[in-house]
């Protein structure tokens, strides 16, 4: 029994090390010399004033300097270091689903690893809220690779037990509001299968205090049904079963349209709350999608700061 436990631990450690190598190799090229990566772009410490340029955030206009010079100026800010990042992971049983090389739980772990390795640079602290069916585990934010690897191991070892859960996405986001008191970055990782109206208010409140990134993990079979005859589908969270005849084109079309409408609704709610939205697919290259998101965000920060 002890040998099996040690073997599992070694396998887990090896998987996390491979994730670290994959992520750092791909991201070093676009983040060289820029420690901000995913962390909030504009700091809180006041810096120098400069002339306003089209595209600048009007909330940073320095009215005292503008009044003295009769020309509109904005106040630059010094980017904070040692920022806090919280990874809020929804460990619901639906994450065990997957029809490709990876299941959603593996992609969620990879997303947490990508965010962790990015934001732990420059002394930033990373913490986690891990939602399990019966409780939310809180890991206080700390810096250092050893802490991050231990945090990722805790995420990897979450058991997604079938059956009703006392923990939903809204309670995880609400806990993030309670524990993340210092302004920073909160990354919510989930498949967002809960009714969007059940977590809209909590997410909007969280965005009012922090930079928020919502990572939605999906599988292509959640978007469309194959022509595979009569399927018996089981809801792992409620235990309900239903037989569906996938041979009927009308059934497959109705399912595809309903799934697309649901994903569009999730996207609208996330973006209307003020959060960034990144969708990762179990059949796609999650690392390439993460790299593209980081690159887009850096370009947006440059534009918002007037650095074209």
C-alpha atoms as a PDB file:
ATOM      1  CA  UNK A   1       0.000   0.000   0.000  1.00  0.00           C
ATOM      2  CA  UNK A   2       2.830   2.390   0.884  1.00  0.00           C
ATOM      3  CA  UNK A   3       4.640   1.523  -2.349  1.00  0.00           C
ATOM      4  CA  UNK A   4       1.490   2.290  -4.361  1.00  0.00           C
ATOM      5  CA  UNK A   5       1.127   5.649  -2.599  1.00  0.00           C
ATOM      6  CA  UNK A   6       4.758   6.537  -3.328  1.00  0.00           C
ATOM      7  CA  UNK A   7       4.331   5.484  -6.956  1.00  0.00           C
ATOM      8  CA  UNK A   8       1.233   7.708  -7.346  1.00  0.00           C
ATOM      9  CA  UNK A   9       3.057  10.636  -5.741  1.00  0.00           C
ATOM     10  CA  UNK A  10       6.037  10.183  -8.081  1.00  0.00           C
ATOM     11  CA  UNK A  11       3.751  10.006 -11.113  1.00  0.00           C
ATOM     12  CA  UNK A  12       1.937  13.161 -10.008  1.00  0.00           C
ATOM     13  CA  UNK A  13       5.213  14.998  -9.425  1.00  0.00           C
ATOM     14  CA  UNK A  14       6.449  13.975 -12.872  1.00  0.00           C
ATOM     15  CA  UNK A  15       3.262  15.225 -14.540  1.00  0.00           C
ATOM     16  CA  UNK A  16       3.516  18.581 -12.793  1.00  0.00           C
ATOM     17  CA  UNK A  17       7.177  18.964 -13.778  1.00  0.00           C
ATOM     18  CA  UNK A  18       6.303  18.265 -17.420  1.00  0.00           C
ATOM     19  CA  UNK A  19       3.548  20.877 -17.225  1.00  0.00           C
ATOM     20  CA  UNK A  20       6.023  23.379 -15.807  1.00  0.00           C
ATOM     21  CA  UNK A  21       8.518  22.748 -18.621  1.00  0.00           C
ATOM     22  CA  UNK A  22       5.868  23.002 -21.338  1.00  0.00           C
ATOM     23  CA  UNK A  23       4.475  26.247 -19.958  1.00  0.00           C
ATOM     24  CA  UNK A  24       7.745  28.039 -19.248  1.00  0.00           C
ATOM     25  CA  UNK A  25       9.275  27.122 -22.613  1.00  0.00           C
ATOM     26  CA  UNK A  26       6.305  28.451 -24.552  1.00  0.00           C
ATOM     27  CA  UNK A  27       5.747  31.560 -22.462  1.00  0.00           C
ATOM     28  CA  UNK A  28       9.317  32.724 -21.904  1.00  0.00           C
ATOM     29  CA  UNK A  29       9.487  34.041 -25.459  1.00  0.00           C
ATOM     30  CA  UNK A  30       6.542  36.414 -25.132  1.00  0.00           C
ATOM     31  CA  UNK A  31       7.086  37.371 -21.482  1.00  0.00           C
ATOM     32  CA  UNK A  32      10.834  37.995 -21.517  1.00  0.00           C
ATOM     33  CA  UNK A  33      11.535  41.116 -19.491  1.00  0.00           C
ATOM     34  CA  UNK A  34       7.875  41.624 -18.560  1.00  0.00           C
ATOM     35  CA  UNK A  35       6.974  40.333 -15.122  1.00  0.00           C
ATOM     36  CA  UNK A  36       3.371  41.434 -15.358  1.00  0.00           C
ATOM     37  CA  UNK A  37       2.124  38.605 -17.558  1.00  0.00           C
ATOM     38  CA  UNK A  38      -1.398  38.036 -16.248  1.00  0.00           C
ATOM     39  CA  UNK A  39      -1.218  40.243 -13.168  1.00  0.00           C
ATOM     40  CA  UNK A  40      -3.017  43.612 -13.047  1.00  0.00           C
ATOM     41  CA  UNK A  41      -1.366  45.974 -15.485  1.00  0.00           C
ATOM     42  CA  UNK A  42      -1.607  49.339 -13.743  1.00  0.00           C
ATOM     43  CA  UNK A  43      -0.361  49.687 -10.199  1.00  0.00           C
ATOM     44  CA  UNK A  44      -1.624  51.761  -7.318  1.00  0.00           C
ATOM     45  CA  UNK A  45       1.441  53.946  -6.645  1.00  0.00           C
ATOM     46  CA  UNK A  46       1.316  57.344  -8.410  1.00  0.00           C
ATOM     47  CA  UNK A  47       4.072  58.019 -10.956  1.00  0.00           C
ATOM     48  CA  UNK A  48       4.776  60.783 -13.449  1.00  0.00           C
ATOM     49  CA  UNK A  49       2.208  62.854 -15.316  1.00  0.00           C
ATOM     50  CA  UNK A  50       2.106  62.955 -19.109  1.00  0.00           C
ATOM     51  CA  UNK A  51      -0.086  64.383 -21.861  1.00  0.00           C
ATOM     52  CA  UNK A  52      -3.374  62.636 -22.489  1.00  0.00           C
ATOM     53  CA  UNK A  53      -3.518  60.556 -25.670  1.00  0.00           C
ATOM     54  CA  UNK A  54      -6.628  59.136 -27.392  1.00  0.00           C
ATOM     55  CA  UNK A  55      -7.362  55.720 -25.903  1.00  0.00           C
ATOM     56  CA  UNK A  56      -6.084  56.547 -22.404  1.00  0.00           C
ATOM     57  CA  UNK A  57      -8.300  55.731 -19.449  1.00  0.00           C
ATOM     58  CA  UNK A  58     -10.101  58.971 -18.571  1.00  0.00           C
ATOM     59  CA  UNK A  59     -10.283  57.866 -14.941  1.00  0.00           C
ATOM     60  CA  UNK A  60      -6.530  58.523 -14.676  1.00  0.00           C
ATOM     61  CA  UNK A  61      -6.751  62.191 -15.675  1.00  0.00           C
ATOM     62  CA  UNK A  62      -4.791  64.330 -13.198  1.00  0.00           C
ATOM     63  CA  UNK A  63      -7.078  67.336 -12.790  1.00  0.00           C
ATOM     64  CA  UNK A  64      -4.587  69.384 -10.737  1.00  0.00           C
ATOM     65  CA  UNK A  65      -1.900  69.216 -13.440  1.00  0.00           C
ATOM     66  CA  UNK A  66      -4.538  69.738 -16.136  1.00  0.00           C
ATOM     67  CA  UNK A  67      -5.764  72.911 -14.400  1.00  0.00           C
ATOM     68  CA  UNK A  68      -2.226  74.302 -14.022  1.00  0.00           C
ATOM     69  CA  UNK A  69      -1.157  73.633 -17.604  1.00  0.00           C
ATOM     70  CA  UNK A  70      -4.568  74.055 -19.294  1.00  0.00           C
ATOM     71  CA  UNK A  71      -3.719  70.844 -21.193  1.00  0.00           C
ATOM     72  CA  UNK A  72      -5.167  67.460 -20.324  1.00  0.00           C
ATOM     73  CA  UNK A  73      -2.667  65.250 -18.466  1.00  0.00           C
ATOM     74  CA  UNK A  74      -2.979  61.772 -16.989  1.00  0.00           C
ATOM     75  CA  UNK A  75      -1.090  60.371 -14.026  1.00  0.00           C
ATOM     76  CA  UNK A  76       0.932  57.242 -14.766  1.00  0.00           C
ATOM     77  CA  UNK A  77       1.064  54.596 -12.062  1.00  0.00           C
ATOM     78  CA  UNK A  78       3.904  52.374 -10.976  1.00  0.00           C
ATOM     79  CA  UNK A  79       3.109  48.706 -11.441  1.00  0.00           C
ATOM     80  CA  UNK A  80       2.864  46.892  -8.134  1.00  0.00           C
ATOM     81  CA  UNK A  81       5.175  44.032  -7.344  1.00  0.00           C
ATOM     82  CA  UNK A  82       4.511  41.151  -4.988  1.00  0.00           C
ATOM     83  CA  UNK A  83       0.894  40.997  -6.063  1.00  0.00           C
ATOM     84  CA  UNK A  84      -1.582  38.358  -4.959  1.00  0.00           C
ATOM     85  CA  UNK A  85      -3.205  35.898  -7.299  1.00  0.00           C
ATOM     86  CA  UNK A  86      -6.025  33.578  -6.232  1.00  0.00           C
ATOM     87  CA  UNK A  87      -6.966  30.498  -8.259  1.00  0.00           C
ATOM     88  CA  UNK A  88     -10.618  29.628  -7.581  1.00  0.00           C
ATOM     89  CA  UNK A  89     -11.223  26.130  -8.924  1.00  0.00           C
ATOM     90  CA  UNK A  90     -14.656  24.550  -9.245  1.00  0.00           C
ATOM     91  CA  UNK A  91     -14.035  20.857  -8.507  1.00  0.00           C
ATOM     92  CA  UNK A  92     -17.520  19.644  -9.435  1.00  0.00           C
ATOM     93  CA  UNK A  93     -18.017  16.026 -10.635  1.00  0.00           C
ATOM     94  CA  UNK A  94     -18.717  17.250 -14.176  1.00  0.00           C
ATOM     95  CA  UNK A  95     -14.978  17.943 -14.587  1.00  0.00           C
ATOM     96  CA  UNK A  96     -14.366  14.195 -14.866  1.00  0.00           C
ATOM     97  CA  UNK A  97     -15.981  14.235 -18.294  1.00  0.00           C
ATOM     98  CA  UNK A  98     -13.797  14.009 -21.394  1.00  0.00           C
ATOM     99  CA  UNK A  99     -13.980  12.368 -24.813  1.00  0.00           C
ATOM    100  CA  UNK A 100     -10.528  13.283 -26.161  1.00  0.00           C
ATOM    101  CA  UNK A 101      -6.942  12.779 -25.003  1.00  0.00           C
ATOM    102  CA  UNK A 102      -7.640  14.836 -21.858  1.00  0.00           C
ATOM    103  CA  UNK A 103     -10.635  15.199 -19.594  1.00  0.00           C
ATOM    104  CA  UNK A 104     -11.805  18.544 -18.260  1.00  0.00           C
ATOM    105  CA  UNK A 105     -10.124  17.975 -14.890  1.00  0.00           C
ATOM    106  CA  UNK A 106      -6.712  17.686 -16.577  1.00  0.00           C
ATOM    107  CA  UNK A 107      -7.278  20.867 -18.599  1.00  0.00           C
ATOM    108  CA  UNK A 108      -8.396  22.675 -15.426  1.00  0.00           C
ATOM    109  CA  UNK A 109      -5.165  21.575 -13.716  1.00  0.00           C
ATOM    110  CA  UNK A 110      -3.148  22.734 -16.728  1.00  0.00           C
ATOM    111  CA  UNK A 111      -4.888  26.125 -16.640  1.00  0.00           C
ATOM    112  CA  UNK A 112      -4.119  26.477 -12.929  1.00  0.00           C
ATOM    113  CA  UNK A 113      -0.489  25.536 -13.602  1.00  0.00           C
ATOM    114  CA  UNK A 114      -0.207  28.045 -16.441  1.00  0.00           C
ATOM    115  CA  UNK A 115      -1.616  30.867 -14.334  1.00  0.00           C
ATOM    116  CA  UNK A 116       0.507  29.827 -11.350  1.00  0.00           C
ATOM    117  CA  UNK A 117       3.819  29.688 -13.200  1.00  0.00           C
ATOM    118  CA  UNK A 118       3.057  33.009 -14.885  1.00  0.00           C
ATOM    119  CA  UNK A 119       2.059  34.989 -11.815  1.00  0.00           C
ATOM    120  CA  UNK A 120       4.580  33.498  -9.379  1.00  0.00           C
ATOM    121  CA  UNK A 121       7.360  35.368 -11.155  1.00  0.00           C
ATOM    122  CA  UNK A 122       8.847  38.437  -9.532  1.00  0.00           C
ATOM    123  CA  UNK A 123       7.897  37.403  -5.998  1.00  0.00           C
ATOM    124  CA  UNK A 124       4.127  37.419  -6.577  1.00  0.00           C
ATOM    125  CA  UNK A 125       2.087  35.284  -4.195  1.00  0.00           C
ATOM    126  CA  UNK A 126      -0.340  32.603  -5.361  1.00  0.00           C
ATOM    127  CA  UNK A 127      -3.179  31.109  -3.305  1.00  0.00           C
ATOM    128  CA  UNK A 128      -6.064  28.819  -4.133  1.00  0.00           C
ATOM    129  CA  UNK A 129      -9.675  28.068  -3.323  1.00  0.00           C
ATOM    130  CA  UNK A 130     -10.503  24.489  -4.277  1.00  0.00           C
ATOM    131  CA  UNK A 131     -14.186  23.626  -4.341  1.00  0.00           C
ATOM    132  CA  UNK A 132     -14.982  19.988  -3.599  1.00  0.00           C
ATOM    133  CA  UNK A 133     -18.479  18.462  -3.278  1.00  0.00           C
ATOM    134  CA  UNK A 134     -18.525  18.918   0.520  1.00  0.00           C
ATOM    135  CA  UNK A 135     -16.153  21.812   1.314  1.00  0.00           C
ATOM    136  CA  UNK A 136     -13.962  24.613  -0.028  1.00  0.00           C
ATOM    137  CA  UNK A 137     -10.245  24.224   0.728  1.00  0.00           C
ATOM    138  CA  UNK A 138      -8.359  27.485   1.225  1.00  0.00           C
ATOM    139  CA  UNK A 139      -4.614  27.623   0.528  1.00  0.00           C
ATOM    140  CA  UNK A 140      -3.183  30.990   1.656  1.00  0.00           C
ATOM    141  CA  UNK A 141      -1.118  32.855  -0.947  1.00  0.00           C
ATOM    142  CA  UNK A 142       2.647  32.443  -0.741  1.00  0.00           C
ATOM    143  CA  UNK A 143       5.536  32.868  -3.129  1.00  0.00           C
ATOM    144  CA  UNK A 144       8.023  30.321  -4.341  1.00  0.00           C
ATOM    145  CA  UNK A 145       8.074  27.292  -6.605  1.00  0.00           C
ATOM    146  CA  UNK A 146       7.794  24.789  -3.734  1.00  0.00           C
ATOM    147  CA  UNK A 147       4.535  26.341  -2.568  1.00  0.00           C
ATOM    148  CA  UNK A 148       3.140  26.460  -6.111  1.00  0.00           C
ATOM    149  CA  UNK A 149       3.949  22.792  -6.765  1.00  0.00           C
ATOM    150  CA  UNK A 150       2.257  21.806  -3.490  1.00  0.00           C
ATOM    151  CA  UNK A 151      -0.794  23.886  -4.447  1.00  0.00           C
ATOM    152  CA  UNK A 152      -1.031  22.200  -7.856  1.00  0.00           C
ATOM    153  CA  UNK A 153      -0.686  18.789  -6.237  1.00  0.00           C
ATOM    154  CA  UNK A 154      -3.679  19.613  -4.003  1.00  0.00           C
ATOM    155  CA  UNK A 155      -5.691  20.572  -7.081  1.00  0.00           C
ATOM    156  CA  UNK A 156      -4.679  17.380  -8.868  1.00  0.00           C
ATOM    157  CA  UNK A 157      -5.696  15.208  -5.917  1.00  0.00           C
ATOM    158  CA  UNK A 158      -9.260  16.578  -5.640  1.00  0.00           C
ATOM    159  CA  UNK A 159     -11.803  13.755  -5.775  1.00  0.00           C
ATOM    160  CA  UNK A 160     -14.843  14.638  -7.883  1.00  0.00           C
ATOM    161  CA  UNK A 161     -17.357  12.398  -6.116  1.00  0.00           C
ATOM    162  CA  UNK A 162     -20.655  11.734  -7.898  1.00  0.00           C
ATOM    163  CA  UNK A 163     -23.912  12.915  -6.405  1.00  0.00           C
ATOM    164  CA  UNK A 164     -25.399  16.193  -5.151  1.00  0.00           C
ATOM    165  CA  UNK A 165     -22.922  18.799  -3.937  1.00  0.00           C
ATOM    166  CA  UNK A 166     -23.187  21.345  -1.146  1.00  0.00           C
ATOM    167  CA  UNK A 167     -20.722  23.594  -2.977  1.00  0.00           C
ATOM    168  CA  UNK A 168     -21.617  25.490  -6.139  1.00  0.00           C
ATOM    169  CA  UNK A 169     -19.816  28.089  -8.250  1.00  0.00           C
ATOM    170  CA  UNK A 170     -21.483  31.046  -6.558  1.00  0.00           C
ATOM    171  CA  UNK A 171     -20.238  29.923  -3.129  1.00  0.00           C
ATOM    172  CA  UNK A 172     -16.675  29.559  -4.462  1.00  0.00           C
ATOM    173  CA  UNK A 173     -16.724  33.056  -5.972  1.00  0.00           C
ATOM    174  CA  UNK A 174     -18.284  34.394  -2.782  1.00  0.00           C
ATOM    175  CA  UNK A 175     -15.465  32.834  -0.735  1.00  0.00           C
ATOM    176  CA  UNK A 176     -12.947  34.531  -3.046  1.00  0.00           C
ATOM    177  CA  UNK A 177     -14.548  37.876  -2.202  1.00  0.00           C
ATOM    178  CA  UNK A 178     -14.128  37.128   1.491  1.00  0.00           C
ATOM    179  CA  UNK A 179     -10.502  35.984   1.500  1.00  0.00           C
ATOM    180  CA  UNK A 180      -8.951  38.097  -1.289  1.00  0.00           C
ATOM    181  CA  UNK A 181      -8.866  41.398   0.564  1.00  0.00           C
ATOM    182  CA  UNK A 182      -5.890  42.940  -1.234  1.00  0.00           C
ATOM    183  CA  UNK A 183      -6.503  44.000  -4.819  1.00  0.00           C
ATOM    184  CA  UNK A 184      -4.978  41.518  -7.242  1.00  0.00           C
ATOM    185  CA  UNK A 185      -5.888  38.841  -9.754  1.00  0.00           C
ATOM    186  CA  UNK A 186      -8.556  36.161  -9.272  1.00  0.00           C
ATOM    187  CA  UNK A 187      -8.745  33.333 -11.814  1.00  0.00           C
ATOM    188  CA  UNK A 188     -11.988  31.338 -11.769  1.00  0.00           C
ATOM    189  CA  UNK A 189     -11.607  27.908 -13.413  1.00  0.00           C
ATOM    190  CA  UNK A 190     -14.820  25.973 -14.069  1.00  0.00           C
ATOM    191  CA  UNK A 191     -17.009  24.455 -16.759  1.00  0.00           C
ATOM    192  CA  UNK A 192     -19.661  27.034 -15.684  1.00  0.00           C
ATOM    193  CA  UNK A 193     -22.510  24.539 -16.007  1.00  0.00           C
ATOM    194  CA  UNK A 194     -24.405  26.157 -13.135  1.00  0.00           C
ATOM    195  CA  UNK A 195     -27.165  28.560 -14.149  1.00  0.00           C
ATOM    196  CA  UNK A 196     -25.361  31.854 -14.997  1.00  0.00           C
ATOM    197  CA  UNK A 197     -27.932  33.817 -13.001  1.00  0.00           C
ATOM    198  CA  UNK A 198     -26.868  31.904  -9.872  1.00  0.00           C
ATOM    199  CA  UNK A 199     -23.315  33.336  -9.964  1.00  0.00           C
ATOM    200  CA  UNK A 200     -23.746  36.582 -11.934  1.00  0.00           C
ATOM    201  CA  UNK A 201     -24.054  38.820  -8.855  1.00  0.00           C
ATOM    202  CA  UNK A 202     -21.036  37.309  -7.060  1.00  0.00           C
ATOM    203  CA  UNK A 203     -18.839  37.579 -10.158  1.00  0.00           C
ATOM    204  CA  UNK A 204     -19.821  41.205 -10.770  1.00  0.00           C
ATOM    205  CA  UNK A 205     -18.983  42.076  -7.158  1.00  0.00           C
ATOM    206  CA  UNK A 206     -15.628  40.291  -7.452  1.00  0.00           C
ATOM    207  CA  UNK A 207     -14.778  42.251 -10.612  1.00  0.00           C
ATOM    208  CA  UNK A 208     -15.447  45.480  -8.754  1.00  0.00           C
ATOM    209  CA  UNK A 209     -12.464  44.798  -6.509  1.00  0.00           C
ATOM    210  CA  UNK A 210     -10.083  42.619  -8.539  1.00  0.00           C
ATOM    211  CA  UNK A 211      -8.885  41.805 -12.021  1.00  0.00           C
ATOM    212  CA  UNK A 212     -10.774  38.609 -12.880  1.00  0.00           C
ATOM    213  CA  UNK A 213     -10.105  35.959 -15.503  1.00  0.00           C
ATOM    214  CA  UNK A 214     -12.727  33.255 -16.066  1.00  0.00           C
ATOM    215  CA  UNK A 215     -11.316  30.090 -17.622  1.00  0.00           C
ATOM    216  CA  UNK A 216     -14.136  27.988 -19.058  1.00  0.00           C
ATOM    217  CA  UNK A 217     -13.239  24.324 -19.646  1.00  0.00           C
ATOM    218  CA  UNK A 218     -15.338  22.545 -22.273  1.00  0.00           C
ATOM    219  CA  UNK A 219     -15.436  19.274 -24.189  1.00  0.00           C
ATOM    220  CA  UNK A 220     -16.610  19.123 -27.792  1.00  0.00           C
ATOM    221  CA  UNK A 221     -19.218  16.454 -26.944  1.00  0.00           C
ATOM    222  CA  UNK A 222     -20.896  19.017 -24.712  1.00  0.00           C
ATOM    223  CA  UNK A 223     -21.408  21.121 -27.816  1.00  0.00           C
ATOM    224  CA  UNK A 224     -22.787  18.483 -30.172  1.00  0.00           C
ATOM    225  CA  UNK A 225     -23.984  14.874 -30.117  1.00  0.00           C
ATOM    226  CA  UNK A 226     -22.522  12.160 -32.364  1.00  0.00           C
ATOM    227  CA  UNK A 227     -24.683   9.834 -34.417  1.00  0.00           C
ATOM    228  CA  UNK A 228     -24.169   6.884 -32.079  1.00  0.00           C
ATOM    229  CA  UNK A 229     -27.602   5.297 -31.782  1.00  0.00           C
ATOM    230  CA  UNK A 230     -29.479   5.317 -28.500  1.00  0.00           C
ATOM    231  CA  UNK A 231     -27.351   6.734 -25.675  1.00  0.00           C
ATOM    232  CA  UNK A 232     -28.034   6.495 -21.947  1.00  0.00           C
ATOM    233  CA  UNK A 233     -26.893   9.777 -20.413  1.00  0.00           C
ATOM    234  CA  UNK A 234     -26.256  10.140 -16.668  1.00  0.00           C
ATOM    235  CA  UNK A 235     -26.084  13.400 -14.726  1.00  0.00           C
ATOM    236  CA  UNK A 236     -23.275  12.679 -12.268  1.00  0.00           C
ATOM    237  CA  UNK A 237     -24.379  15.498  -9.946  1.00  0.00           C
ATOM    238  CA  UNK A 238     -28.048  14.475  -9.630  1.00  0.00           C
ATOM    239  CA  UNK A 239     -27.971  10.823 -10.655  1.00  0.00           C
ATOM    240  CA  UNK A 240     -30.740  11.300 -13.212  1.00  0.00           C
ATOM    241  CA  UNK A 241     -30.605   9.203 -16.384  1.00  0.00           C
ATOM    242  CA  UNK A 242     -32.109   9.784 -19.794  1.00  0.00           C
ATOM    243  CA  UNK A 243     -32.083   7.871 -23.058  1.00  0.00           C
ATOM    244  CA  UNK A 244     -31.503   9.907 -26.204  1.00  0.00           C
ATOM    245  CA  UNK A 245     -31.840   8.654 -29.779  1.00  0.00           C
ATOM    246  CA  UNK A 246     -28.914  10.347 -31.508  1.00  0.00           C
ATOM    247  CA  UNK A 247     -29.812   8.822 -34.880  1.00  0.00           C
ATOM    248  CA  UNK A 248     -32.372  11.595 -35.395  1.00  0.00           C
ATOM    249  CA  UNK A 249     -30.851  14.640 -37.106  1.00  0.00           C
ATOM    250  CA  UNK A 250     -33.521  16.843 -35.523  1.00  0.00           C
ATOM    251  CA  UNK A 251     -32.415  15.760 -32.036  1.00  0.00           C
ATOM    252  CA  UNK A 252     -28.746  16.443 -32.784  1.00  0.00           C
ATOM    253  CA  UNK A 253     -29.554  19.861 -34.270  1.00  0.00           C
ATOM    254  CA  UNK A 254     -31.702  20.841 -31.286  1.00  0.00           C
ATOM    255  CA  UNK A 255     -28.956  19.798 -28.859  1.00  0.00           C
ATOM    256  CA  UNK A 256     -26.292  21.712 -30.823  1.00  0.00           C
ATOM    257  CA  UNK A 257     -28.395  24.883 -30.912  1.00  0.00           C
ATOM    258  CA  UNK A 258     -29.242  24.672 -27.191  1.00  0.00           C
ATOM    259  CA  UNK A 259     -25.577  24.104 -26.277  1.00  0.00           C
ATOM    260  CA  UNK A 260     -24.461  27.059 -28.429  1.00  0.00           C
ATOM    261  CA  UNK A 261     -27.098  29.326 -26.839  1.00  0.00           C
ATOM    262  CA  UNK A 262     -25.941  28.293 -23.372  1.00  0.00           C
ATOM    263  CA  UNK A 263     -22.280  29.010 -24.146  1.00  0.00           C
ATOM    264  CA  UNK A 264     -23.203  32.394 -25.640  1.00  0.00           C
ATOM    265  CA  UNK A 265     -25.140  33.214 -22.492  1.00  0.00           C
ATOM    266  CA  UNK A 266     -22.191  32.225 -20.294  1.00  0.00           C
ATOM    267  CA  UNK A 267     -19.898  34.448 -22.373  1.00  0.00           C
ATOM    268  CA  UNK A 268     -22.290  37.413 -22.141  1.00  0.00           C
ATOM    269  CA  UNK A 269     -22.640  37.123 -18.360  1.00  0.00           C
ATOM    270  CA  UNK A 270     -18.873  36.854 -17.839  1.00  0.00           C
ATOM    271  CA  UNK A 271     -18.060  39.811 -20.064  1.00  0.00           C
ATOM    272  CA  UNK A 272     -20.878  41.974 -18.719  1.00  0.00           C
ATOM    273  CA  UNK A 273     -19.493  41.448 -15.210  1.00  0.00           C
ATOM    274  CA  UNK A 274     -16.169  42.986 -16.291  1.00  0.00           C
ATOM    275  CA  UNK A 275     -14.107  39.771 -16.324  1.00  0.00           C
ATOM    276  CA  UNK A 276     -11.892  38.401 -19.083  1.00  0.00           C
ATOM    277  CA  UNK A 277     -13.091  35.141 -20.638  1.00  0.00           C
ATOM    278  CA  UNK A 278     -10.831  32.338 -21.862  1.00  0.00           C
ATOM    279  CA  UNK A 279     -12.341  29.096 -23.193  1.00  0.00           C
ATOM    280  CA  UNK A 280     -10.159  25.968 -23.207  1.00  0.00           C
ATOM    281  CA  UNK A 281     -11.212  22.821 -25.067  1.00  0.00           C
ATOM    282  CA  UNK A 282     -10.115  19.298 -24.177  1.00  0.00           C
ATOM    283  CA  UNK A 283      -9.560  18.599 -27.880  1.00  0.00           C
ATOM    284  CA  UNK A 284      -7.582  21.777 -28.569  1.00  0.00           C
ATOM    285  CA  UNK A 285      -4.179  23.098 -27.623  1.00  0.00           C
ATOM    286  CA  UNK A 286      -4.852  24.655 -24.231  1.00  0.00           C
ATOM    287  CA  UNK A 287      -1.276  25.950 -24.041  1.00  0.00           C
ATOM    288  CA  UNK A 288      -1.543  27.754 -27.389  1.00  0.00           C
ATOM    289  CA  UNK A 289      -4.866  29.280 -26.280  1.00  0.00           C
ATOM    290  CA  UNK A 290      -3.297  30.474 -23.018  1.00  0.00           C
ATOM    291  CA  UNK A 291      -0.316  31.979 -24.865  1.00  0.00           C
ATOM    292  CA  UNK A 292      -2.651  33.787 -27.267  1.00  0.00           C
ATOM    293  CA  UNK A 293      -4.685  35.182 -24.359  1.00  0.00           C
ATOM    294  CA  UNK A 294      -1.570  36.473 -22.559  1.00  0.00           C
ATOM    295  CA  UNK A 295      -0.317  38.094 -25.760  1.00  0.00           C
ATOM    296  CA  UNK A 296      -3.692  39.795 -26.403  1.00  0.00           C
ATOM    297  CA  UNK A 297      -3.782  41.077 -22.844  1.00  0.00           C
ATOM    298  CA  UNK A 298      -0.285  42.552 -23.065  1.00  0.00           C
ATOM    299  CA  UNK A 299      -1.242  44.377 -26.262  1.00  0.00           C
ATOM    300  CA  UNK A 300      -4.402  45.707 -24.621  1.00  0.00           C
ATOM    301  CA  UNK A 301      -2.458  46.940 -21.586  1.00  0.00           C
ATOM    302  CA  UNK A 302       0.009  48.749 -23.823  1.00  0.00           C
ATOM    303  CA  UNK A 303      -2.832  50.464 -25.680  1.00  0.00           C
ATOM    304  CA  UNK A 304      -4.659  51.414 -22.478  1.00  0.00           C
ATOM    305  CA  UNK A 305      -1.452  52.865 -21.087  1.00  0.00           C
ATOM    306  CA  UNK A 306      -0.707  54.898 -24.194  1.00  0.00           C
ATOM    307  CA  UNK A 307       2.372  52.777 -25.080  1.00  0.00           C
ATOM    308  CA  UNK A 308       1.734  51.919 -28.726  1.00  0.00           C
END
